[in-house]
Amino acid sequence: ESHPGKGAQYIRAAGTCGVLLRKVNGTAIVQLPSKRHMQVLETCVAT
């Protein structure tokens, strides 16, 4: 999710996955399949 409760919008294509890199001050930084980093709130849900 990009926002809590909005529903999954990232990393939905076949065979893709992201990596949870670190958690900072109530936020989480995730590496997308494109190697780009994304920062979201730690309350965002992921599978």
ModelCIF file with pLDDT and N, C-alpha, C, O atoms, coordinates in Angstrom:
data_MODEL
#
_entry.id   MODEL 
#
_entity.id                         1 
_entity.type                       polymer 
_entity.pdbx_number_of_molecules   1 
#
_entity_poly.entity_id                      1 
_entity_poly.type                           'polypeptide(L)' 
_entity_poly.nstd_linkage                   no 
_entity_poly.nstd_monomer                   no 
_entity_poly.pdbx_seq_one_letter_code       ESHPGKGAQYIRAAGTCGVLLRKVNGTAIVQLPSKRHMQVLETCVAT 
_entity_poly.pdbx_seq_one_letter_code_can   ESHPGKGAQYIRAAGTCGVLLRKVNGTAIVQLPSKRHMQVLETCVAT 
_entity_poly.pdbx_strand_id                 A 
#
loop_
_entity_poly_seq.entity_id 
_entity_poly_seq.num 
_entity_poly_seq.mon_id 
_entity_poly_seq.hetero 
1 1  GLU n 
1 2  SER n 
1 3  HIS n 
1 4  PRO n 
1 5  GLY n 
1 6  LYS n 
1 7  GLY n 
1 8  ALA n 
1 9  GLN n 
1 10 TYR n 
1 11 ILE n 
1 12 ARG n 
1 13 ALA n 
1 14 ALA n 
1 15 GLY n 
1 16 THR n 
1 17 CYS n 
1 18 GLY n 
1 19 VAL n 
1 20 LEU n 
1 21 LEU n 
1 22 ARG n 
1 23 LYS n 
1 24 VAL n 
1 25 ASN n 
1 26 GLY n 
1 27 THR n 
1 28 ALA n 
1 29 ILE n 
1 30 VAL n 
1 31 GLN n 
1 32 LEU n 
1 33 PRO n 
1 34 SER n 
1 35 LYS n 
1 36 ARG n 
1 37 HIS n 
1 38 MET n 
1 39 GLN n 
1 40 VAL n 
1 41 LEU n 
1 42 GLU n 
1 43 THR n 
1 44 CYS n 
1 45 VAL n 
1 46 ALA n 
1 47 THR n 
#
_struct_asym.id          A 
_struct_asym.entity_id   1 
#
loop_
_ma_qa_metric.id 
_ma_qa_metric.mode 
_ma_qa_metric.name 
_ma_qa_metric.software_group_id 
_ma_qa_metric.type 
1 global pLDDT . pLDDT 
2 local  pLDDT . pLDDT 
#
_ma_qa_metric_global.metric_id      1 
_ma_qa_metric_global.metric_value   95.11 
_ma_qa_metric_global.model_id       1 
_ma_qa_metric_global.ordinal_id     1 
#
loop_
_ma_qa_metric_local.label_asym_id 
_ma_qa_metric_local.label_comp_id 
_ma_qa_metric_local.label_seq_id 
_ma_qa_metric_local.metric_id 
_ma_qa_metric_local.metric_value 
_ma_qa_metric_local.model_id 
_ma_qa_metric_local.ordinal_id 
A GLU 1  2 95.00 1 1  
A SER 2  2 95.00 1 2  
A HIS 3  2 95.00 1 3  
A PRO 4  2 94.00 1 4  
A GLY 5  2 93.00 1 5  
A LYS 6  2 94.00 1 6  
A GLY 7  2 94.00 1 7  
A ALA 8  2 95.00 1 8  
A GLN 9  2 95.00 1 9  
A TYR 10 2 97.00 1 10 
A ILE 11 2 96.00 1 11 
A ARG 12 2 96.00 1 12 
A ALA 13 2 97.00 1 13 
A ALA 14 2 97.00 1 14 
A GLY 15 2 96.00 1 15 
A THR 16 2 96.00 1 16 
A CYS 17 2 96.00 1 17 
A GLY 18 2 96.00 1 18 
A VAL 19 2 96.00 1 19 
A LEU 20 2 96.00 1 20 
A LEU 21 2 96.00 1 21 
A ARG 22 2 94.00 1 22 
A LYS 23 2 94.00 1 23 
A VAL 24 2 92.00 1 24 
A ASN 25 2 90.00 1 25 
A GLY 26 2 91.00 1 26 
A THR 27 2 94.00 1 27 
A ALA 28 2 96.00 1 28 
A ILE 29 2 96.00 1 29 
A VAL 30 2 96.00 1 30 
A GLN 31 2 96.00 1 31 
A LEU 32 2 96.00 1 32 
A PRO 33 2 96.00 1 33 
A SER 34 2 94.00 1 34 
A LYS 35 2 94.00 1 35 
A ARG 36 2 94.00 1 36 
A HIS 37 2 95.00 1 37 
A MET 38 2 95.00 1 38 
A GLN 39 2 96.00 1 39 
A VAL 40 2 96.00 1 40 
A LEU 41 2 95.00 1 41 
A GLU 42 2 94.00 1 42 
A THR 43 2 95.00 1 43 
A CYS 44 2 96.00 1 44 
A VAL 45 2 96.00 1 45 
A ALA 46 2 97.00 1 46 
A THR 47 2 97.00 1 47 
#
loop_
_atom_site.group_PDB 
_atom_site.id 
_atom_site.type_symbol 
_atom_site.label_atom_id 
_atom_site.label_alt_id 
_atom_site.label_comp_id 
_atom_site.label_asym_id 
_atom_site.label_entity_id 
_atom_site.label_seq_id 
_atom_site.pdbx_PDB_ins_code 
_atom_site.Cartn_x 
_atom_site.Cartn_y 
_atom_site.Cartn_z 
_atom_site.occupancy 
_atom_site.B_iso_or_equiv 
_atom_site.pdbx_formal_charge 
_atom_site.auth_seq_id 
_atom_site.auth_comp_id 
_atom_site.auth_asym_id 
_atom_site.auth_atom_id 
_atom_site.pdbx_PDB_model_num 
ATOM 1   N N  . GLU A 1 1  ? 0.833  -1.197  0.000   1.00 95.00 ? 1  GLU A N  1 
ATOM 2   C CA . GLU A 1 1  ? 0.000  0.000   0.000   1.00 95.00 ? 1  GLU A CA 1 
ATOM 3   C C  . GLU A 1 1  ? 0.871  1.253   0.000   1.00 95.00 ? 1  GLU A C  1 
ATOM 4   O O  . GLU A 1 1  ? 1.981  1.256   0.534   1.00 95.00 ? 1  GLU A O  1 
ATOM 5   N N  . SER A 1 2  ? 0.350  2.309   -0.606  1.00 95.00 ? 2  SER A N  1 
ATOM 6   C CA . SER A 1 2  ? 1.026  3.602   -0.523  1.00 95.00 ? 2  SER A CA 1 
ATOM 7   C C  . SER A 1 2  ? 0.480  4.441   0.625   1.00 95.00 ? 2  SER A C  1 
ATOM 8   O O  . SER A 1 2  ? 1.192  5.274   1.186   1.00 95.00 ? 2  SER A O  1 
ATOM 9   N N  . HIS A 1 3  ? -0.790 4.221   0.975   1.00 95.00 ? 3  HIS A N  1 
ATOM 10  C CA . HIS A 1 3  ? -1.409 4.893   2.106   1.00 95.00 ? 3  HIS A CA 1 
ATOM 11  C C  . HIS A 1 3  ? -2.173 3.844   2.917   1.00 95.00 ? 3  HIS A C  1 
ATOM 12  O O  . HIS A 1 3  ? -2.734 2.916   2.334   1.00 95.00 ? 3  HIS A O  1 
ATOM 13  N N  . PRO A 1 4  ? -2.206 3.967   4.236   1.00 94.00 ? 4  PRO A N  1 
ATOM 14  C CA . PRO A 1 4  ? -2.897 2.956   5.046   1.00 94.00 ? 4  PRO A CA 1 
ATOM 15  C C  . PRO A 1 4  ? -4.384 2.865   4.692   1.00 94.00 ? 4  PRO A C  1 
ATOM 16  O O  . PRO A 1 4  ? -5.095 3.870   4.649   1.00 94.00 ? 4  PRO A O  1 
ATOM 17  N N  . GLY A 1 5  ? -4.830 1.632   4.441   1.00 93.00 ? 5  GLY A N  1 
ATOM 18  C CA . GLY A 1 5  ? -6.232 1.401   4.137   1.00 93.00 ? 5  GLY A CA 1 
ATOM 19  C C  . GLY A 1 5  ? -6.636 1.654   2.704   1.00 93.00 ? 5  GLY A C  1 
ATOM 20  O O  . GLY A 1 5  ? -7.809 1.488   2.369   1.00 93.00 ? 5  GLY A O  1 
ATOM 21  N N  . LYS A 1 6  ? -5.718 2.046   1.845   1.00 94.00 ? 6  LYS A N  1 
ATOM 22  C CA . LYS A 1 6  ? -6.065 2.344   0.458   1.00 94.00 ? 6  LYS A CA 1 
ATOM 23  C C  . LYS A 1 6  ? -6.094 1.108   -0.424  1.00 94.00 ? 6  LYS A C  1 
ATOM 24  O O  . LYS A 1 6  ? -6.748 1.104   -1.467  1.00 94.00 ? 6  LYS A O  1 
ATOM 25  N N  . GLY A 1 7  ? -5.395 0.064   -0.016  1.00 94.00 ? 7  GLY A N  1 
ATOM 26  C CA . GLY A 1 7  ? -5.317 -1.125  -0.851  1.00 94.00 ? 7  GLY A CA 1 
ATOM 27  C C  . GLY A 1 7  ? -4.006 -1.180  -1.605  1.00 94.00 ? 7  GLY A C  1 
ATOM 28  O O  . GLY A 1 7  ? -3.372 -0.154  -1.853  1.00 94.00 ? 7  GLY A O  1 
ATOM 29  N N  . ALA A 1 8  ? -3.604 -2.400  -1.970  1.00 95.00 ? 8  ALA A N  1 
ATOM 30  C CA . ALA A 1 8  ? -2.309 -2.598  -2.625  1.00 95.00 ? 8  ALA A CA 1 
ATOM 31  C C  . ALA A 1 8  ? -2.280 -1.928  -3.991  1.00 95.00 ? 8  ALA A C  1 
ATOM 32  O O  . ALA A 1 8  ? -3.208 -2.068  -4.788  1.00 95.00 ? 8  ALA A O  1 
ATOM 33  N N  . GLN A 1 9  ? -1.205 -1.200  -4.246  1.00 95.00 ? 9  GLN A N  1 
ATOM 34  C CA . GLN A 1 9  ? -0.994 -0.540  -5.531  1.00 95.00 ? 9  GLN A CA 1 
ATOM 35  C C  . GLN A 1 9  ? 0.377  -0.842  -6.125  1.00 95.00 ? 9  GLN A C  1 
ATOM 36  O O  . GLN A 1 9  ? 0.591  -0.603  -7.314  1.00 95.00 ? 9  GLN A O  1 
ATOM 37  N N  . TYR A 1 10 ? 1.295  -1.353  -5.343  1.00 97.00 ? 10 TYR A N  1 
ATOM 38  C CA . TYR A 1 10 ? 2.657  -1.604  -5.807  1.00 97.00 ? 10 TYR A CA 1 
ATOM 39  C C  . TYR A 1 10 ? 2.959  -3.096  -5.672  1.00 97.00 ? 10 TYR A C  1 
ATOM 40  O O  . TYR A 1 10 ? 2.401  -3.798  -4.829  1.00 97.00 ? 10 TYR A O  1 
ATOM 41  N N  . ILE A 1 11 ? 3.875  -3.551  -6.548  1.00 96.00 ? 11 ILE A N  1 
ATOM 42  C CA . ILE A 1 11 ? 4.425  -4.911  -6.510  1.00 96.00 ? 11 ILE A CA 1 
ATOM 43  C C  . ILE A 1 11 ? 3.280  -5.924  -6.632  1.00 96.00 ? 11 ILE A C  1 
ATOM 44  O O  . ILE A 1 11 ? 3.057  -6.741  -5.739  1.00 96.00 ? 11 ILE A O  1 
ATOM 45  N N  . ARG A 1 12 ? 2.561  -5.849  -7.756  1.00 96.00 ? 12 ARG A N  1 
ATOM 46  C CA . ARG A 1 12 ? 1.451  -6.754  -7.992  1.00 96.00 ? 12 ARG A CA 1 
ATOM 47  C C  . ARG A 1 12 ? 1.644  -7.624  -9.235  1.00 96.00 ? 12 ARG A C  1 
ATOM 48  O O  . ARG A 1 12 ? 0.842  -8.525  -9.483  1.00 96.00 ? 12 ARG A O  1 
ATOM 49  N N  . ALA A 1 13 ? 2.688  -7.370  -10.013 1.00 97.00 ? 13 ALA A N  1 
ATOM 50  C CA . ALA A 1 13 ? 2.910  -8.136  -11.233 1.00 97.00 ? 13 ALA A CA 1 
ATOM 51  C C  . ALA A 1 13 ? 3.488  -9.504  -10.903 1.00 97.00 ? 13 ALA A C  1 
ATOM 52  O O  . ALA A 1 13 ? 4.009  -9.722  -9.810  1.00 97.00 ? 13 ALA A O  1 
ATOM 53  N N  . ALA A 1 14 ? 3.392  -10.420 -11.858 1.00 97.00 ? 14 ALA A N  1 
ATOM 54  C CA . ALA A 1 14 ? 3.820  -11.799 -11.643 1.00 97.00 ? 14 ALA A CA 1 
ATOM 55  C C  . ALA A 1 14 ? 5.315  -11.872 -11.378 1.00 97.00 ? 14 ALA A C  1 
ATOM 56  O O  . ALA A 1 14 ? 6.111  -11.268 -12.097 1.00 97.00 ? 14 ALA A O  1 
ATOM 57  N N  . GLY A 1 15 ? 5.694  -12.618 -10.336 1.00 96.00 ? 15 GLY A N  1 
ATOM 58  C CA . GLY A 1 15 ? 7.094  -12.874 -10.037 1.00 96.00 ? 15 GLY A CA 1 
ATOM 59  C C  . GLY A 1 15 ? 7.851  -11.733 -9.415  1.00 96.00 ? 15 GLY A C  1 
ATOM 60  O O  . GLY A 1 15 ? 9.070  -11.829 -9.270  1.00 96.00 ? 15 GLY A O  1 
ATOM 61  N N  . THR A 1 16 ? 7.187  -10.648 -9.036  1.00 96.00 ? 16 THR A N  1 
ATOM 62  C CA . THR A 1 16 ? 7.882  -9.492  -8.475  1.00 96.00 ? 16 THR A CA 1 
ATOM 63  C C  . THR A 1 16 ? 7.852  -9.535  -6.955  1.00 96.00 ? 16 THR A C  1 
ATOM 64  O O  . THR A 1 16 ? 6.999  -10.189 -6.356  1.00 96.00 ? 16 THR A O  1 
ATOM 65  N N  . CYS A 1 17 ? 8.790  -8.832  -6.343  1.00 96.00 ? 17 CYS A N  1 
ATOM 66  C CA . CYS A 1 17 ? 8.837  -8.723  -4.887  1.00 96.00 ? 17 CYS A CA 1 
ATOM 67  C C  . CYS A 1 17 ? 9.677  -7.504  -4.534  1.00 96.00 ? 17 CYS A C  1 
ATOM 68  O O  . CYS A 1 17 ? 10.536 -7.074  -5.304  1.00 96.00 ? 17 CYS A O  1 
ATOM 69  N N  . GLY A 1 18 ? 9.412  -6.964  -3.367  1.00 96.00 ? 18 GLY A N  1 
ATOM 70  C CA . GLY A 1 18 ? 10.191 -5.859  -2.834  1.00 96.00 ? 18 GLY A CA 1 
ATOM 71  C C  . GLY A 1 18 ? 10.901 -6.279  -1.560  1.00 96.00 ? 18 GLY A C  1 
ATOM 72  O O  . GLY A 1 18 ? 10.672 -7.369  -1.035  1.00 96.00 ? 18 GLY A O  1 
ATOM 73  N N  . VAL A 1 19 ? 11.759 -5.409  -1.074  1.00 96.00 ? 19 VAL A N  1 
ATOM 74  C CA . VAL A 1 19 ? 12.548 -5.704  0.119   1.00 96.00 ? 19 VAL A CA 1 
ATOM 75  C C  . VAL A 1 19 ? 12.348 -4.579  1.121   1.00 96.00 ? 19 VAL A C  1 
ATOM 76  O O  . VAL A 1 19 ? 12.470 -3.400  0.787   1.00 96.00 ? 19 VAL A O  1 
ATOM 77  N N  . LEU A 1 20 ? 12.042 -4.960  2.349   1.00 96.00 ? 20 LEU A N  1 
ATOM 78  C CA . LEU A 1 20 ? 11.950 -3.986  3.432   1.00 96.00 ? 20 LEU A CA 1 
ATOM 79  C C  . LEU A 1 20 ? 13.364 -3.659  3.905   1.00 96.00 ? 20 LEU A C  1 
ATOM 80  O O  . LEU A 1 20 ? 14.016 -4.494  4.532   1.00 96.00 ? 20 LEU A O  1 
ATOM 81  N N  . LEU A 1 21 ? 13.839 -2.452  3.609   1.00 96.00 ? 21 LEU A N  1 
ATOM 82  C CA . LEU A 1 21 ? 15.226 -2.086  3.892   1.00 96.00 ? 21 LEU A CA 1 
ATOM 83  C C  . LEU A 1 21 ? 15.430 -1.632  5.329   1.00 96.00 ? 21 LEU A C  1 
ATOM 84  O O  . LEU A 1 21 ? 16.305 -2.146  6.026   1.00 96.00 ? 21 LEU A O  1 
ATOM 85  N N  . ARG A 1 22 ? 14.626 -0.670  5.775   1.00 94.00 ? 22 ARG A N  1 
ATOM 86  C CA . ARG A 1 22 ? 14.809 -0.164  7.139   1.00 94.00 ? 22 ARG A CA 1 
ATOM 87  C C  . ARG A 1 22 ? 13.540 0.548   7.579   1.00 94.00 ? 22 ARG A C  1 
ATOM 88  O O  . ARG A 1 22 ? 12.667 0.871   6.774   1.00 94.00 ? 22 ARG A O  1 
ATOM 89  N N  . LYS A 1 23 ? 13.470 0.779   8.880   1.00 94.00 ? 23 LYS A N  1 
ATOM 90  C CA . LYS A 1 23 ? 12.335 1.484   9.489   1.00 94.00 ? 23 LYS A CA 1 
ATOM 91  C C  . LYS A 1 23 ? 12.878 2.671   10.284  1.00 94.00 ? 23 LYS A C  1 
ATOM 92  O O  . LYS A 1 23 ? 13.745 2.516   11.144  1.00 94.00 ? 23 LYS A O  1 
ATOM 93  N N  . VAL A 1 24 ? 12.350 3.861   9.977   1.00 92.00 ? 24 VAL A N  1 
ATOM 94  C CA . VAL A 1 24 ? 12.864 5.091   10.565  1.00 92.00 ? 24 VAL A CA 1 
ATOM 95  C C  . VAL A 1 24 ? 11.698 5.957   11.012  1.00 92.00 ? 24 VAL A C  1 
ATOM 96  O O  . VAL A 1 24 ? 10.875 6.362   10.191  1.00 92.00 ? 24 VAL A O  1 
ATOM 97  N N  . ASN A 1 25 ? 11.620 6.248   12.320  1.00 90.00 ? 25 ASN A N  1 
ATOM 98  C CA . ASN A 1 25 ? 10.679 7.218   12.881  1.00 90.00 ? 25 ASN A CA 1 
ATOM 99  C C  . ASN A 1 25 ? 9.242  6.994   12.408  1.00 90.00 ? 25 ASN A C  1 
ATOM 100 O O  . ASN A 1 25 ? 8.593  7.919   11.920  1.00 90.00 ? 25 ASN A O  1 
ATOM 101 N N  . GLY A 1 26 ? 8.760  5.787   12.552  1.00 91.00 ? 26 GLY A N  1 
ATOM 102 C CA . GLY A 1 26 ? 7.381  5.506   12.166  1.00 91.00 ? 26 GLY A CA 1 
ATOM 103 C C  . GLY A 1 26 ? 7.149  5.338   10.691  1.00 91.00 ? 26 GLY A C  1 
ATOM 104 O O  . GLY A 1 26 ? 6.002  5.247   10.252  1.00 91.00 ? 26 GLY A O  1 
ATOM 105 N N  . THR A 1 27 ? 8.219  5.295   9.905   1.00 94.00 ? 27 THR A N  1 
ATOM 106 C CA . THR A 1 27 ? 8.103  5.074   8.467   1.00 94.00 ? 27 THR A CA 1 
ATOM 107 C C  . THR A 1 27 ? 8.934  3.853   8.079   1.00 94.00 ? 27 THR A C  1 
ATOM 108 O O  . THR A 1 27 ? 9.787  3.396   8.840   1.00 94.00 ? 27 THR A O  1 
ATOM 109 N N  . ALA A 1 28 ? 8.673  3.346   6.908   1.00 96.00 ? 28 ALA A N  1 
ATOM 110 C CA . ALA A 1 28 ? 9.404  2.193   6.378   1.00 96.00 ? 28 ALA A CA 1 
ATOM 111 C C  . ALA A 1 28 ? 9.885  2.518   4.974   1.00 96.00 ? 28 ALA A C  1 
ATOM 112 O O  . ALA A 1 28 ? 9.168  3.152   4.199   1.00 96.00 ? 28 ALA A O  1 
ATOM 113 N N  . ILE A 1 29 ? 11.073 2.094   4.652   1.00 96.00 ? 29 ILE A N  1 
ATOM 114 C CA . ILE A 1 29 ? 11.672 2.307   3.335   1.00 96.00 ? 29 ILE A CA 1 
ATOM 115 C C  . ILE A 1 29 ? 11.763 0.958   2.644   1.00 96.00 ? 29 ILE A C  1 
ATOM 116 O O  . ILE A 1 29 ? 12.368 0.017   3.157   1.00 96.00 ? 29 ILE A O  1 
ATOM 117 N N  . VAL A 1 30 ? 11.146 0.882   1.462   1.00 96.00 ? 30 VAL A N  1 
ATOM 118 C CA . VAL A 1 30 ? 11.037 -0.367  0.706   1.00 96.00 ? 30 VAL A CA 1 
ATOM 119 C C  . VAL A 1 30 ? 11.742 -0.196  -0.626  1.00 96.00 ? 30 VAL A C  1 
ATOM 120 O O  . VAL A 1 30 ? 11.643 0.851   -1.266  1.00 96.00 ? 30 VAL A O  1 
ATOM 121 N N  . GLN A 1 31 ? 12.457 -1.240  -1.037  1.00 96.00 ? 31 GLN A N  1 
ATOM 122 C CA . GLN A 1 31 ? 13.071 -1.243  -2.367  1.00 96.00 ? 31 GLN A CA 1 
ATOM 123 C C  . GLN A 1 31 ? 12.125 -1.942  -3.331  1.00 96.00 ? 31 GLN A C  1 
ATOM 124 O O  . GLN A 1 31 ? 11.798 -3.114  -3.145  1.00 96.00 ? 31 GLN A O  1 
ATOM 125 N N  . LEU A 1 32 ? 11.682 -1.220  -4.368  1.00 96.00 ? 32 LEU A N  1 
ATOM 126 C CA . LEU A 1 32 ? 10.765 -1.759  -5.359  1.00 96.00 ? 32 LEU A CA 1 
ATOM 127 C C  . LEU A 1 32 ? 11.508 -2.664  -6.338  1.00 96.00 ? 32 LEU A C  1 
ATOM 128 O O  . LEU A 1 32 ? 12.739 -2.653  -6.362  1.00 96.00 ? 32 LEU A O  1 
ATOM 129 N N  . PRO A 1 33 ? 10.797 -3.444  -7.143  1.00 96.00 ? 33 PRO A N  1 
ATOM 130 C CA . PRO A 1 33 ? 11.475 -4.286  -8.145  1.00 96.00 ? 33 PRO A CA 1 
ATOM 131 C C  . PRO A 1 33 ? 12.327 -3.494  -9.125  1.00 96.00 ? 33 PRO A C  1 
ATOM 132 O O  . PRO A 1 33 ? 13.265 -4.043  -9.704  1.00 96.00 ? 33 PRO A O  1 
ATOM 133 N N  . SER A 1 34 ? 12.019 -2.203  -9.326  1.00 94.00 ? 34 SER A N  1 
ATOM 134 C CA . SER A 1 34 ? 12.821 -1.361  -10.215 1.00 94.00 ? 34 SER A CA 1 
ATOM 135 C C  . SER A 1 34 ? 14.061 -0.798  -9.535  1.00 94.00 ? 34 SER A C  1 
ATOM 136 O O  . SER A 1 34 ? 14.757 0.035   -10.114 1.00 94.00 ? 34 SER A O  1 
ATOM 137 N N  . LYS A 1 35 ? 14.353 -1.252  -8.286  1.00 94.00 ? 35 LYS A N  1 
ATOM 138 C CA . LYS A 1 35 ? 15.476 -0.793  -7.469  1.00 94.00 ? 35 LYS A CA 1 
ATOM 139 C C  . LYS A 1 35 ? 15.275 0.609   -6.917  1.00 94.00 ? 35 LYS A C  1 
ATOM 140 O O  . LYS A 1 35 ? 16.172 1.162   -6.280  1.00 94.00 ? 35 LYS A O  1 
ATOM 141 N N  . ARG A 1 36 ? 14.129 1.173   -7.152  1.00 94.00 ? 36 ARG A N  1 
ATOM 142 C CA . ARG A 1 36 ? 13.853 2.495   -6.596  1.00 94.00 ? 36 ARG A CA 1 
ATOM 143 C C  . ARG A 1 36 ? 13.376 2.341   -5.156  1.00 94.00 ? 36 ARG A C  1 
ATOM 144 O O  . ARG A 1 36 ? 12.695 1.370   -4.826  1.00 94.00 ? 36 ARG A O  1 
ATOM 145 N N  . HIS A 1 37 ? 13.730 3.293   -4.303  1.00 95.00 ? 37 HIS A N  1 
ATOM 146 C CA . HIS A 1 37 ? 13.339 3.253   -2.907  1.00 95.00 ? 37 HIS A CA 1 
ATOM 147 C C  . HIS A 1 37 ? 12.073 4.085   -2.714  1.00 95.00 ? 37 HIS A C  1 
ATOM 148 O O  . HIS A 1 37 ? 11.890 5.132   -3.335  1.00 95.00 ? 37 HIS A O  1 
ATOM 149 N N  . MET A 1 38 ? 11.207 3.583   -1.834  1.00 95.00 ? 38 MET A N  1 
ATOM 150 C CA . MET A 1 38 ? 9.947  4.252   -1.559  1.00 95.00 ? 38 MET A CA 1 
ATOM 151 C C  . MET A 1 38 ? 9.735  4.295   -0.054  1.00 95.00 ? 38 MET A C  1 
ATOM 152 O O  . MET A 1 38 ? 9.960  3.303   0.638   1.00 95.00 ? 38 MET A O  1 
ATOM 153 N N  . GLN A 1 39 ? 9.308  5.430   0.444   1.00 96.00 ? 39 GLN A N  1 
ATOM 154 C CA . GLN A 1 39 ? 9.079  5.627   1.870   1.00 96.00 ? 39 GLN A CA 1 
ATOM 155 C C  . GLN A 1 39 ? 7.588  5.769   2.119   1.00 96.00 ? 39 GLN A C  1 
ATOM 156 O O  . GLN A 1 39 ? 6.928  6.627   1.533   1.00 96.00 ? 39 GLN A O  1 
ATOM 157 N N  . VAL A 1 40 ? 7.055  4.908   3.006   1.00 96.00 ? 40 VAL A N  1 
ATOM 158 C CA . VAL A 1 40 ? 5.653  4.927   3.369   1.00 96.00 ? 40 VAL A CA 1 
ATOM 159 C C  . VAL A 1 40 ? 5.542  4.826   4.891   1.00 96.00 ? 40 VAL A C  1 
ATOM 160 O O  . VAL A 1 40 ? 6.532  4.574   5.578   1.00 96.00 ? 40 VAL A O  1 
ATOM 161 N N  . LEU A 1 41 ? 4.345  5.021   5.404   1.00 95.00 ? 41 LEU A N  1 
ATOM 162 C CA . LEU A 1 41 ? 4.121  4.857   6.833   1.00 95.00 ? 41 LEU A CA 1 
ATOM 163 C C  . LEU A 1 41 ? 4.221  3.386   7.218   1.00 95.00 ? 41 LEU A C  1 
ATOM 164 O O  . LEU A 1 41 ? 3.913  2.504   6.417   1.00 95.00 ? 41 LEU A O  1 
ATOM 165 N N  . GLU A 1 42 ? 4.650  3.132   8.442   1.00 94.00 ? 42 GLU A N  1 
ATOM 166 C CA . GLU A 1 42 ? 4.807  1.744   8.871   1.00 94.00 ? 42 GLU A CA 1 
ATOM 167 C C  . GLU A 1 42 ? 3.474  1.046   9.102   1.00 94.00 ? 42 GLU A C  1 
ATOM 168 O O  . GLU A 1 42 ? 3.449  -0.165  9.322   1.00 94.00 ? 42 GLU A O  1 
ATOM 169 N N  . THR A 1 43 ? 2.373  1.774   9.058   1.00 95.00 ? 43 THR A N  1 
ATOM 170 C CA . THR A 1 43 ? 1.053  1.153   9.173   1.00 95.00 ? 43 THR A CA 1 
ATOM 171 C C  . THR A 1 43 ? 0.512  0.657   7.831   1.00 95.00 ? 43 THR A C  1 
ATOM 172 O O  . THR A 1 43 ? -0.561 0.054   7.786   1.00 95.00 ? 43 THR A O  1 
ATOM 173 N N  . CYS A 1 44 ? 1.234  0.900   6.746   1.00 96.00 ? 44 CYS A N  1 
ATOM 174 C CA . CYS A 1 44 ? 0.818  0.366   5.444   1.00 96.00 ? 44 CYS A CA 1 
ATOM 175 C C  . CYS A 1 44 ? 0.991  -1.146  5.445   1.00 96.00 ? 44 CYS A C  1 
ATOM 176 O O  . CYS A 1 44 ? 1.996  -1.667  5.929   1.00 96.00 ? 44 CYS A O  1 
ATOM 177 N N  . VAL A 1 45 ? 0.013  -1.836  4.903   1.00 96.00 ? 45 VAL A N  1 
ATOM 178 C CA . VAL A 1 45 ? -0.018 -3.293  4.925   1.00 96.00 ? 45 VAL A CA 1 
ATOM 179 C C  . VAL A 1 45 ? 0.630  -3.838  3.659   1.00 96.00 ? 45 VAL A C  1 
ATOM 180 O O  . VAL A 1 45 ? 0.463  -3.289  2.570   1.00 96.00 ? 45 VAL A O  1 
ATOM 181 N N  . ALA A 1 46 ? 1.373  -4.929  3.827   1.00 97.00 ? 46 ALA A N  1 
ATOM 182 C CA . ALA A 1 46 ? 1.990  -5.630  2.702   1.00 97.00 ? 46 ALA A CA 1 
ATOM 183 C C  . ALA A 1 46 ? 1.855  -7.129  2.931   1.00 97.00 ? 46 ALA A C  1 
ATOM 184 O O  . ALA A 1 46 ? 1.680  -7.582  4.062   1.00 97.00 ? 46 ALA A O  1 
ATOM 185 N N  . THR A 1 47 ? 1.936  -7.880  1.861   1.00 97.00 ? 47 THR A N  1 
ATOM 186 C CA . THR A 1 47 ? 1.876  -9.338  1.924   1.00 97.00 ? 47 THR A CA 1 
ATOM 187 C C  . THR A 1 47 ? 3.288  -9.899  1.919   1.00 97.00 ? 47 THR A C  1 
ATOM 188 O O  . THR A 1 47 ? 3.469  -11.116 1.966   1.00 97.00 ? 47 THR A O  1 
#
